[in-house]
PDB file of N, CA and C in Angstrom:
ATOM      1  N   MET A   1      97.512  53.454  10.080  1.00  0.00           N
ATOM      2  CA  MET A   1      97.674  52.210   9.366  1.00  0.00           C
ATOM      3  C   MET A   1      97.251  51.059  10.270  1.00  0.00           C
ATOM      4  N   SER A   2      96.375  50.189   9.787  1.00  0.00           N
ATOM      5  CA  SER A   2      95.898  49.091  10.617  1.00  0.00           C
ATOM      6  C   SER A   2      96.765  47.858  10.414  1.00  0.00           C
ATOM      7  N   GLU A   3      96.801  47.055  11.450  1.00  0.00           N
ATOM      8  CA  GLU A   3      97.590  45.830  11.391  1.00  0.00           C
ATOM      9  C   GLU A   3      96.876  44.797  10.541  1.00  0.00           C
ATOM     10  N   ALA A   4      97.658  43.938   9.902  1.00  0.00           N
ATOM     11  CA  ALA A   4      97.071  42.825   9.160  1.00  0.00           C
ATOM     12  C   ALA A   4      96.459  41.864  10.166  1.00  0.00           C
ATOM     13  N   PRO A   5      95.337  41.252   9.814  1.00  0.00           N
ATOM     14  CA  PRO A   5      94.721  40.316  10.755  1.00  0.00           C
ATOM     15  C   PRO A   5      95.633  39.113  11.015  1.00  0.00           C
ATOM     16  N   SER A   6      95.518  38.565  12.216  1.00  0.00           N
ATOM     17  CA  SER A   6      96.302  37.379  12.544  1.00  0.00           C
ATOM     18  C   SER A   6      95.835  36.219  11.672  1.00  0.00           C
ATOM     19  N   TYR A   7      96.627  35.155  11.636  1.00  0.00           N
ATOM     20  CA  TYR A   7      96.249  33.998  10.824  1.00  0.00           C
ATOM     21  C   TYR A   7      94.868  33.482  11.236  1.00  0.00           C
ATOM     22  N   LYS A   8      94.537  33.643  12.498  1.00  0.00           N
ATOM     23  CA  LYS A   8      93.271  33.132  13.009  1.00  0.00           C
ATOM     24  C   LYS A   8      92.085  33.948  12.492  1.00  0.00           C
ATOM     25  N   GLU A   9      92.318  35.207  12.177  1.00  0.00           N
ATOM     26  CA  GLU A   9      91.253  36.096  11.741  1.00  0.00           C
ATOM     27  C   GLU A   9      91.149  36.225  10.214  1.00  0.00           C
ATOM     28  N   ARG A  10      92.175  35.780   9.481  1.00  0.00           N
ATOM     29  CA  ARG A  10      92.156  35.927   8.022  1.00  0.00           C
ATOM     30  C   ARG A  10      91.090  35.023   7.416  1.00  0.00           C
ATOM     31  N   LYS A  11      90.268  35.588   6.557  1.00  0.00           N
ATOM     32  CA  LYS A  11      89.157  34.868   5.924  1.00  0.00           C
ATOM     33  C   LYS A  11      89.652  34.234   4.626  1.00  0.00           C
ATOM     34  N   VAL A  12      90.091  32.984   4.730  1.00  0.00           N
ATOM     35  CA  VAL A  12      90.691  32.308   3.573  1.00  0.00           C
ATOM     36  C   VAL A  12      90.149  30.897   3.342  1.00  0.00           C
ATOM     37  N   ILE A  13      89.278  30.412   4.210  1.00  0.00           N
ATOM     38  CA  ILE A  13      88.829  29.025   4.152  1.00  0.00           C
ATOM     39  C   ILE A  13      87.475  28.950   3.449  1.00  0.00           C
ATOM     40  N   THR A  14      87.349  28.042   2.501  1.00  0.00           N
ATOM     41  CA  THR A  14      86.091  27.883   1.761  1.00  0.00           C
ATOM     42  C   THR A  14      85.058  27.144   2.602  1.00  0.00           C
ATOM     43  N   ILE A  15      83.808  27.266   2.214  1.00  0.00           N
ATOM     44  CA  ILE A  15      82.720  26.636   2.959  1.00  0.00           C
ATOM     45  C   ILE A  15      82.863  25.110   2.974  1.00  0.00           C
ATOM     46  N   GLY A  16      83.370  24.524   1.889  1.00  0.00           N
ATOM     47  CA  GLY A  16      83.558  23.078   1.847  1.00  0.00           C
ATOM     48  C   GLY A  16      84.550  22.599   2.891  1.00  0.00           C
ATOM     49  N   VAL A  17      85.642  23.330   3.039  1.00  0.00           N
ATOM     50  CA  VAL A  17      86.657  22.968   4.037  1.00  0.00           C
ATOM     51  C   VAL A  17      86.093  23.198   5.443  1.00  0.00           C
ATOM     52  N   VAL A  18      85.361  24.284   5.632  1.00  0.00           N
ATOM     53  CA  VAL A  18      84.739  24.554   6.931  1.00  0.00           C
ATOM     54  C   VAL A  18      83.784  23.408   7.285  1.00  0.00           C
ATOM     55  N   SER A  19      83.044  22.940   6.306  1.00  0.00           N
ATOM     56  CA  SER A  19      82.129  21.822   6.516  1.00  0.00           C
ATOM     57  C   SER A  19      82.887  20.578   6.979  1.00  0.00           C
ATOM     58  N   GLU A  20      84.013  20.291   6.330  1.00  0.00           N
ATOM     59  CA  GLU A  20      84.828  19.144   6.720  1.00  0.00           C
ATOM     60  C   GLU A  20      85.392  19.311   8.128  1.00  0.00           C
ATOM     61  N   LEU A  21      85.853  20.512   8.463  1.00  0.00           N
ATOM     62  CA  LEU A  21      86.470  20.757   9.761  1.00  0.00           C
ATOM     63  C   LEU A  21      85.465  20.719  10.911  1.00  0.00           C
ATOM     64  N   THR A  22      84.238  21.163  10.653  1.00  0.00           N
ATOM     65  CA  THR A  22      83.244  21.285  11.727  1.00  0.00           C
ATOM     66  C   THR A  22      82.280  20.109  11.791  1.00  0.00           C
ATOM     67  N   GLY A  23      82.139  19.383  10.695  1.00  0.00           N
ATOM     68  CA  GLY A  23      81.132  18.321  10.643  1.00  0.00           C
ATOM     69  C   GLY A  23      79.738  18.846  10.342  1.00  0.00           C
ATOM     70  N   LEU A  24      79.628  20.140  10.094  1.00  0.00           N
ATOM     71  CA  LEU A  24      78.346  20.740   9.723  1.00  0.00           C
ATOM     72  C   LEU A  24      78.157  20.660   8.219  1.00  0.00           C
ATOM     73  N   SER A  25      76.918  20.588   7.778  1.00  0.00           N
ATOM     74  CA  SER A  25      76.669  20.630   6.337  1.00  0.00           C
ATOM     75  C   SER A  25      76.831  22.074   5.853  1.00  0.00           C
ATOM     76  N   GLU A  26      77.056  22.226   4.560  1.00  0.00           N
ATOM     77  CA  GLU A  26      77.149  23.580   4.004  1.00  0.00           C
ATOM     78  C   GLU A  26      75.842  24.333   4.232  1.00  0.00           C
ATOM     79  N   ARG A  27      74.726  23.621   4.183  1.00  0.00           N
ATOM     80  CA  ARG A  27      73.423  24.251   4.418  1.00  0.00           C
ATOM     81  C   ARG A  27      73.331  24.791   5.845  1.00  0.00           C
ATOM     82  N   GLN A  28      73.811  24.007   6.828  1.00  0.00           N
ATOM     83  CA  GLN A  28      73.793  24.478   8.216  1.00  0.00           C
ATOM     84  C   GLN A  28      74.647  25.735   8.364  1.00  0.00           C
ATOM     85  N   ILE A  29      75.803  25.740   7.736  1.00  0.00           N
ATOM     86  CA  ILE A  29      76.701  26.888   7.825  1.00  0.00           C
ATOM     87  C   ILE A  29      76.038  28.130   7.237  1.00  0.00           C
ATOM     88  N   ARG A  30      75.391  27.963   6.066  1.00  0.00           N
ATOM     89  CA  ARG A  30      74.680  29.091   5.456  1.00  0.00           C
ATOM     90  C   ARG A  30      73.520  29.556   6.340  1.00  0.00           C
ATOM     91  N   TYR A  31      72.846  28.599   6.989  1.00  0.00           N
ATOM     92  CA  TYR A  31      71.750  28.947   7.893  1.00  0.00           C
ATOM     93  C   TYR A  31      72.262  29.802   9.050  1.00  0.00           C
ATOM     94  N   TYR A  32      73.402  29.430   9.619  1.00  0.00           N
ATOM     95  CA  TYR A  32      73.960  30.216  10.725  1.00  0.00           C
ATOM     96  C   TYR A  32      74.363  31.604  10.241  1.00  0.00           C
ATOM     97  N   GLU A  33      74.759  31.712   8.988  1.00  0.00           N
ATOM     98  CA  GLU A  33      75.028  33.035   8.413  1.00  0.00           C
ATOM     99  C   GLU A  33      73.720  33.826   8.300  1.00  0.00           C
ATOM    100  N   GLU A  34      72.660  33.188   7.817  1.00  0.00           N
ATOM    101  CA  GLU A  34      71.351  33.848   7.705  1.00  0.00           C
ATOM    102  C   GLU A  34      70.862  34.342   9.069  1.00  0.00           C
ATOM    103  N   ARG A  35      71.166  33.587  10.116  1.00  0.00           N
ATOM    104  CA  ARG A  35      70.740  33.940  11.465  1.00  0.00           C
ATOM    105  C   ARG A  35      71.686  34.948  12.123  1.00  0.00           C
ATOM    106  N   LYS A  36      72.663  35.421  11.371  1.00  0.00           N
ATOM    107  CA  LYS A  36      73.637  36.428  11.822  1.00  0.00           C
ATOM    108  C   LYS A  36      74.472  35.939  13.009  1.00  0.00           C
ATOM    109  N   LEU A  37      74.908  34.676  12.895  1.00  0.00           N
ATOM    110  CA  LEU A  37      75.778  34.097  13.907  1.00  0.00           C
ATOM    111  C   LEU A  37      77.220  34.040  13.436  1.00  0.00           C
ATOM    112  N   VAL A  38      77.423  34.050  12.132  1.00  0.00           N
ATOM    113  CA  VAL A  38      78.764  34.022  11.555  1.00  0.00           C
ATOM    114  C   VAL A  38      78.749  34.937  10.328  1.00  0.00           C
ATOM    115  N   PHE A  39      79.896  35.575  10.061  1.00  0.00           N
ATOM    116  CA  PHE A  39      79.941  36.605   9.018  1.00  0.00           C
ATOM    117  C   PHE A  39      81.113  36.370   8.067  1.00  0.00           C
ATOM    118  N   PRO A  40      80.927  35.490   7.081  1.00  0.00           N
ATOM    119  CA  PRO A  40      82.017  35.259   6.131  1.00  0.00           C
ATOM    120  C   PRO A  40      82.191  36.455   5.194  1.00  0.00           C
ATOM    121  N   GLU A  41      83.393  36.548   4.644  1.00  0.00           N
ATOM    122  CA  GLU A  41      83.618  37.528   3.574  1.00  0.00           C
ATOM    123  C   GLU A  41      83.289  36.836   2.259  1.00  0.00           C
ATOM    124  N   ARG A  42      83.215  37.622   1.204  1.00  0.00           N
ATOM    125  CA  ARG A  42      82.959  37.069  -0.125  1.00  0.00           C
ATOM    126  C   ARG A  42      84.160  37.340  -1.021  1.00  0.00           C
ATOM    127  N   SER A  43      84.525  36.330  -1.805  1.00  0.00           N
ATOM    128  CA  SER A  43      85.591  36.496  -2.788  1.00  0.00           C
ATOM    129  C   SER A  43      85.035  37.317  -3.960  1.00  0.00           C
ATOM    130  N   PRO A  44      85.899  37.763  -4.865  1.00  0.00           N
ATOM    131  CA  PRO A  44      85.392  38.499  -6.033  1.00  0.00           C
ATOM    132  C   PRO A  44      84.347  37.702  -6.833  1.00  0.00           C
ATOM    133  N   LYS A  45      84.426  36.381  -6.782  1.00  0.00           N
ATOM    134  CA  LYS A  45      83.448  35.543  -7.491  1.00  0.00           C
ATOM    135  C   LYS A  45      82.229  35.224  -6.637  1.00  0.00           C
ATOM    136  N   GLY A  46      82.189  35.752  -5.417  1.00  0.00           N
ATOM    137  CA  GLY A  46      81.024  35.559  -4.560  1.00  0.00           C
ATOM    138  C   GLY A  46      81.099  34.368  -3.623  1.00  0.00           C
ATOM    139  N   ASN A  47      82.226  33.665  -3.599  1.00  0.00           N
ATOM    140  CA  ASN A  47      82.365  32.513  -2.709  1.00  0.00           C
ATOM    141  C   ASN A  47      82.607  32.974  -1.276  1.00  0.00           C
ATOM    142  N   ARG A  48      82.010  32.261  -0.350  1.00  0.00           N
ATOM    143  CA  ARG A  48      82.196  32.582   1.066  1.00  0.00           C
ATOM    144  C   ARG A  48      83.599  32.194   1.501  1.00  0.00           C
ATOM    145  N   LYS A  49      84.195  33.036   2.341  1.00  0.00           N
ATOM    146  CA  LYS A  49      85.522  32.769   2.907  1.00  0.00           C
ATOM    147  C   LYS A  49      85.441  32.941   4.418  1.00  0.00           C
ATOM    148  N   TYR A  50      85.920  31.942   5.136  1.00  0.00           N
ATOM    149  CA  TYR A  50      85.858  31.918   6.590  1.00  0.00           C
ATOM    150  C   TYR A  50      87.265  31.931   7.186  1.00  0.00           C
ATOM    151  N   SER A  51      87.339  32.256   8.468  1.00  0.00           N
ATOM    152  CA  SER A  51      88.609  32.248   9.198  1.00  0.00           C
ATOM    153  C   SER A  51      88.626  31.064  10.164  1.00  0.00           C
ATOM    154  N   PHE A  52      89.792  30.813  10.755  1.00  0.00           N
ATOM    155  CA  PHE A  52      89.879  29.786  11.789  1.00  0.00           C
ATOM    156  C   PHE A  52      89.015  30.175  12.989  1.00  0.00           C
ATOM    157  N   ALA A  53      88.941  31.475  13.275  1.00  0.00           N
ATOM    158  CA  ALA A  53      88.070  31.939  14.366  1.00  0.00           C
ATOM    159  C   ALA A  53      86.611  31.614  14.052  1.00  0.00           C
ATOM    160  N   ASP A  54      86.214  31.748  12.780  1.00  0.00           N
ATOM    161  CA  ASP A  54      84.851  31.380  12.375  1.00  0.00           C
ATOM    162  C   ASP A  54      84.608  29.887  12.583  1.00  0.00           C
ATOM    163  N   VAL A  55      85.612  29.068  12.258  1.00  0.00           N
ATOM    164  CA  VAL A  55      85.490  27.617  12.441  1.00  0.00           C
ATOM    165  C   VAL A  55      85.248  27.312  13.914  1.00  0.00           C
ATOM    166  N   GLU A  56      86.036  27.934  14.795  1.00  0.00           N
ATOM    167  CA  GLU A  56      85.855  27.729  16.236  1.00  0.00           C
ATOM    168  C   GLU A  56      84.467  28.182  16.681  1.00  0.00           C
ATOM    169  N   LEU A  57      84.017  29.314  16.164  1.00  0.00           N
ATOM    170  CA  LEU A  57      82.700  29.832  16.499  1.00  0.00           C
ATOM    171  C   LEU A  57      81.607  28.869  16.045  1.00  0.00           C
ATOM    172  N   LEU A  58      81.731  28.341  14.833  1.00  0.00           N
ATOM    173  CA  LEU A  58      80.732  27.405  14.321  1.00  0.00           C
ATOM    174  C   LEU A  58      80.676  26.131  15.161  1.00  0.00           C
ATOM    175  N   ILE A  59      81.819  25.648  15.613  1.00  0.00           N
ATOM    176  CA  ILE A  59      81.836  24.468  16.485  1.00  0.00           C
ATOM    177  C   ILE A  59      81.124  24.784  17.798  1.00  0.00           C
ATOM    178  N   ASP A  60      81.380  25.977  18.343  1.00  0.00           N
ATOM    179  CA  ASP A  60      80.719  26.405  19.574  1.00  0.00           C
ATOM    180  C   ASP A  60      79.202  26.501  19.362  1.00  0.00           C
ATOM    181  N   ILE A  61      78.790  27.071  18.243  1.00  0.00           N
ATOM    182  CA  ILE A  61      77.362  27.188  17.919  1.00  0.00           C
ATOM    183  C   ILE A  61      76.737  25.792  17.821  1.00  0.00           C
ATOM    184  N   ALA A  62      77.410  24.878  17.122  1.00  0.00           N
ATOM    185  CA  ALA A  62      76.891  23.519  16.959  1.00  0.00           C
ATOM    186  C   ALA A  62      76.739  22.826  18.311  1.00  0.00           C
ATOM    187  N   ASN A  63      77.711  23.023  19.194  1.00  0.00           N
ATOM    188  CA  ASN A  63      77.632  22.424  20.533  1.00  0.00           C
ATOM    189  C   ASN A  63      76.438  22.983  21.312  1.00  0.00           C
ATOM    190  N   LYS A  64      76.229  24.284  21.220  1.00  0.00           N
ATOM    191  CA  LYS A  64      75.091  24.898  21.910  1.00  0.00           C
ATOM    192  C   LYS A  64      73.774  24.392  21.334  1.00  0.00           C
ATOM    193  N   ARG A  65      73.715  24.251  20.021  1.00  0.00           N
ATOM    194  CA  ARG A  65      72.495  23.741  19.387  1.00  0.00           C
ATOM    195  C   ARG A  65      72.209  22.313  19.848  1.00  0.00           C
ATOM    196  N   GLU A  66      73.261  21.499  19.986  1.00  0.00           N
ATOM    197  CA  GLU A  66      73.075  20.128  20.486  1.00  0.00           C
ATOM    198  C   GLU A  66      72.543  20.122  21.911  1.00  0.00           C
ATOM    199  N   GLU A  67      72.870  21.156  22.670  1.00  0.00           N
ATOM    200  CA  GLU A  67      72.383  21.290  24.045  1.00  0.00           C
ATOM    201  C   GLU A  67      70.966  21.856  24.092  1.00  0.00           C
ATOM    202  N   GLY A  68      70.419  22.182  22.920  1.00  0.00           N
ATOM    203  CA  GLY A  68      69.048  22.676  22.852  1.00  0.00           C
ATOM    204  C   GLY A  68      68.904  24.183  22.839  1.00  0.00           C
ATOM    205  N   VAL A  69      70.009  24.909  22.758  1.00  0.00           N
ATOM    206  CA  VAL A  69      69.943  26.371  22.735  1.00  0.00           C
ATOM    207  C   VAL A  69      69.497  26.823  21.339  1.00  0.00           C
ATOM    208  N   GLN A  70      68.528  27.711  21.301  1.00  0.00           N
ATOM    209  CA  GLN A  70      68.008  28.220  20.034  1.00  0.00           C
ATOM    210  C   GLN A  70      68.960  29.254  19.431  1.00  0.00           C
ATOM    211  N   THR A  71      68.920  29.403  18.105  1.00  0.00           N
ATOM    212  CA  THR A  71      69.815  30.351  17.440  1.00  0.00           C
ATOM    213  C   THR A  71      69.559  31.774  17.919  1.00  0.00           C
ATOM    214  N   TYR A  72      68.321  32.122  18.210  1.00  0.00           N
ATOM    215  CA  TYR A  72      68.012  33.462  18.714  1.00  0.00           C
ATOM    216  C   TYR A  72      68.749  33.719  20.028  1.00  0.00           C
ATOM    217  N   GLU A  73      68.736  32.726  20.918  1.00  0.00           N
ATOM    218  CA  GLU A  73      69.413  32.868  22.204  1.00  0.00           C
ATOM    219  C   GLU A  73      70.924  33.002  22.014  1.00  0.00           C
ATOM    220  N   ILE A  74      71.470  32.227  21.090  1.00  0.00           N
ATOM    221  CA  ILE A  74      72.906  32.302  20.808  1.00  0.00           C
ATOM    222  C   ILE A  74      73.250  33.704  20.318  1.00  0.00           C
ATOM    223  N   ARG A  75      72.442  34.249  19.423  1.00  0.00           N
ATOM    224  CA  ARG A  75      72.670  35.594  18.888  1.00  0.00           C
ATOM    225  C   ARG A  75      72.602  36.638  20.000  1.00  0.00           C
ATOM    226  N   GLN A  76      71.623  36.512  20.888  1.00  0.00           N
ATOM    227  CA  GLN A  76      71.501  37.462  21.991  1.00  0.00           C
ATOM    228  C   GLN A  76      72.727  37.394  22.899  1.00  0.00           C
ATOM    229  N   ASP A  77      73.225  36.185  23.162  1.00  0.00           N
ATOM    230  CA  ASP A  77      74.446  36.031  23.961  1.00  0.00           C
ATOM    231  C   ASP A  77      75.632  36.700  23.273  1.00  0.00           C
ATOM    232  N   MET A  78      75.720  36.539  21.944  1.00  0.00           N
ATOM    233  CA  MET A  78      76.815  37.145  21.183  1.00  0.00           C
ATOM    234  C   MET A  78      76.742  38.667  21.276  1.00  0.00           C
ATOM    235  N   ILE A  79      75.546  39.212  21.188  1.00  0.00           N
ATOM    236  CA  ILE A  79      75.356  40.664  21.277  1.00  0.00           C
ATOM    237  C   ILE A  79      75.770  41.161  22.659  1.00  0.00           C
ATOM    238  N   ARG A  80      75.346  40.444  23.711  1.00  0.00           N
ATOM    239  CA  ARG A  80      75.726  40.834  25.076  1.00  0.00           C
ATOM    240  C   ARG A  80      77.238  40.803  25.254  1.00  0.00           C
ATOM    241  N   GLU A  81      77.890  39.758  24.760  1.00  0.00           N
ATOM    242  CA  GLU A  81      79.347  39.645  24.873  1.00  0.00           C
ATOM    243  C   GLU A  81      80.049  40.772  24.130  1.00  0.00           C
ATOM    244  N   GLU A  82      79.554  41.120  22.953  1.00  0.00           N
ATOM    245  CA  GLU A  82      80.145  42.213  22.172  1.00  0.00           C
ATOM    246  C   GLU A  82      80.012  43.535  22.924  1.00  0.00           C
ATOM    247  N   LYS A  83      78.860  43.762  23.533  1.00  0.00           N
ATOM    248  CA  LYS A  83      78.661  44.995  24.313  1.00  0.00           C
ATOM    249  C   LYS A  83      79.616  45.043  25.496  1.00  0.00           C
ATOM    250  N   LYS A  84      79.826  43.895  26.158  1.00  0.00           N
ATOM    251  CA  LYS A  84      80.774  43.841  27.279  1.00  0.00           C
ATOM    252  C   LYS A  84      82.185  44.162  26.804  1.00  0.00           C
ATOM    253  N   ARG A  85      82.585  43.584  25.647  1.00  0.00           N
ATOM    254  CA  ARG A  85      83.919  43.855  25.094  1.00  0.00           C
ATOM    255  C   ARG A  85      84.079  45.326  24.769  1.00  0.00           C
ATOM    256  N   GLU A  86      83.060  45.920  24.153  1.00  0.00           N
ATOM    257  CA  GLU A  86      83.117  47.340  23.801  1.00  0.00           C
ATOM    258  C   GLU A  86      83.232  48.207  25.058  1.00  0.00           C
ATOM    259  N   LYS A  87      82.489  47.856  26.094  1.00  0.00           N
ATOM    260  CA  LYS A  87      82.538  48.617  27.339  1.00  0.00           C
ATOM    261  C   LYS A  87      83.929  48.529  27.965  1.00  0.00           C
ATOM    262  N   ARG A  88      84.519  47.309  27.982  1.00  0.00           N
ATOM    263  CA  ARG A  88      85.873  47.153  28.525  1.00  0.00           C
ATOM    264  C   ARG A  88      86.878  47.956  27.709  1.00  0.00           C
ATOM    265  N   MET A  89      86.717  47.942  26.390  1.00  0.00           N
ATOM    266  CA  MET A  89      87.643  48.662  25.521  1.00  0.00           C
ATOM    267  C   MET A  89      87.544  50.170  25.757  1.00  0.00           C
ATOM    268  N   ARG A  90      86.318  50.686  25.865  1.00  0.00           N
ATOM    269  CA  ARG A  90      86.136  52.118  26.145  1.00  0.00           C
ATOM    270  C   ARG A  90      86.769  52.498  27.473  1.00  0.00           C
ATOM    271  N   LYS A  91      86.594  51.628  28.452  1.00  0.00           N
ATOM    272  CA  LYS A  91      87.157  51.880  29.782  1.00  0.00           C
ATOM    273  C   LYS A  91      88.683  51.914  29.715  1.00  0.00           C
ATOM    274  N   GLN A  92      89.277  50.979  28.978  1.00  0.00           N
ATOM    275  CA  GLN A  92      90.735  50.958  28.830  1.00  0.00           C
ATOM    276  C   GLN A  92      91.230  52.190  28.089  1.00  0.00           C
ATOM    277  N   LEU A  93      90.520  52.597  27.031  1.00  0.00           N
ATOM    278  CA  LEU A  93      90.911  53.785  26.279  1.00  0.00           C
ATOM    279  C   LEU A  93      90.840  55.025  27.166  1.00  0.00           C
ATOM    280  N   LEU A  94      89.763  55.146  27.917  1.00  0.00           N
ATOM    281  CA  LEU A  94      89.603  56.291  28.805  1.00  0.00           C
ATOM    282  C   LEU A  94      90.707  56.309  29.853  1.00  0.00           C
ATOM    283  N   ARG A  95      91.000  55.146  30.421  1.00  0.00           N
ATOM    284  CA  ARG A  95      92.061  55.054  31.423  1.00  0.00           C
ATOM    285  C   ARG A  95      93.396  55.475  30.797  1.00  0.00           C
ATOM    286  N   GLY A  96      93.651  55.036  29.580  1.00  0.00           N
ATOM    287  CA  GLY A  96      94.887  55.408  28.895  1.00  0.00           C
ATOM    288  C   GLY A  96      94.962  56.904  28.636  1.00  0.00           C
ATOM    289  N   GLU A  97      93.839  57.509  28.226  1.00  0.00           N
ATOM    290  CA  GLU A  97      93.810  58.946  27.991  1.00  0.00           C
ATOM    291  C   GLU A  97      94.057  59.722  29.283  1.00  0.00           C
ATOM    292  N   ILE A  98      93.438  59.277  30.362  1.00  0.00           N
ATOM    293  CA  ILE A  98      93.635  59.941  31.663  1.00  0.00           C
ATOM    294  C   ILE A  98      95.093  59.808  32.092  1.00  0.00           C
ATOM    295  N   ASN A  99      95.638  58.608  31.967  1.00  0.00           N
ATOM    296  CA  ASN A  99      97.037  58.383  32.346  1.00  0.00           C
ATOM    297  C   ASN A  99      97.976  59.253  31.511  1.00  0.00           C
ATOM    298  N   ALA A 100      97.713  59.343  30.211  1.00  0.00           N
ATOM    299  CA  ALA A 100      98.563  60.159  29.339  1.00  0.00           C
ATOM    300  C   ALA A 100      98.427  61.639  29.682  1.00  0.00           C
ATOM    301  N   ARG A 101      97.220  62.057  29.947  1.00  0.00           N
ATOM    302  CA  ARG A 101      96.947  63.466  30.242  1.00  0.00           C
ATOM    303  C   ARG A 101      97.632  63.923  31.534  1.00  0.00           C
ATOM    304  N   PHE A 102      97.617  63.052  32.531  1.00  0.00           N
ATOM    305  CA  PHE A 102      98.147  63.433  33.831  1.00  0.00           C
ATOM    306  C   PHE A 102      99.502  62.798  34.137  1.00  0.00           C
ATOM    307  N   GLY A 103     100.098  62.152  33.147  1.00  0.00           N
ATOM    308  CA  GLY A 103     101.437  61.599  33.300  1.00  0.00           C
ATOM    309  C   GLY A 103     101.522  60.444  34.282  1.00  0.00           C
ATOM    310  N   ILE A 104     100.432  59.739  34.440  1.00  0.00           N
ATOM    311  CA  ILE A 104     100.430  58.587  35.359  1.00  0.00           C
ATOM    312  C   ILE A 104     101.010  57.389  34.637  1.00  0.00           C
ATOM    313  N   GLN A 105     101.964  56.747  35.270  1.00  0.00           N
ATOM    314  CA  GLN A 105     102.563  55.559  34.679  1.00  0.00           C
ATOM    315  C   GLN A 105     102.226  54.354  35.534  1.00  0.00           C
ATOM    316  N   ARG A 106     102.041  53.240  34.885  1.00  0.00           N
ATOM    317  CA  ARG A 106     101.751  51.995  35.592  1.00  0.00           C
ATOM    318  C   ARG A 106     103.008  51.480  36.256  1.00  0.00           C
ATOM    319  N   GLU A 107     102.816  50.936  37.423  1.00  0.00           N
ATOM    320  CA  GLU A 107     103.941  50.266  38.091  1.00  0.00           C
ATOM    321  C   GLU A 107     104.100  48.903  37.452  1.00  0.00           C
ATOM    322  N   ARG A 108     105.328  48.487  37.346  1.00  0.00           N
ATOM    323  CA  ARG A 108     105.591  47.181  36.718  1.00  0.00           C
ATOM    324  C   ARG A 108     106.032  46.177  37.711  1.00  0.00           C
TER     325      ARG A 108
END
């Protein structure tokens, strides 16, 4: 059974509210979605739904764009960061499996 997403991860905010919160136009937000920088969910009626984490990400993207960073570069950075997170997670899982297998307990 998976945990419910935290309030920060729940996709409940409409594009209009995201636009107000970020100062980005709805068109800019859709463009960042097209460029695979943000991934909203869709409601049953097809409306985009964003999370607070998405809002923070969009603000970060907008700041990078103001600094002259291209969307392609931002996407490549996101991919690299995701790979680093996955590698750390695999390492932690492996460490946990080894510890469980050999009865190693962490000192507190």
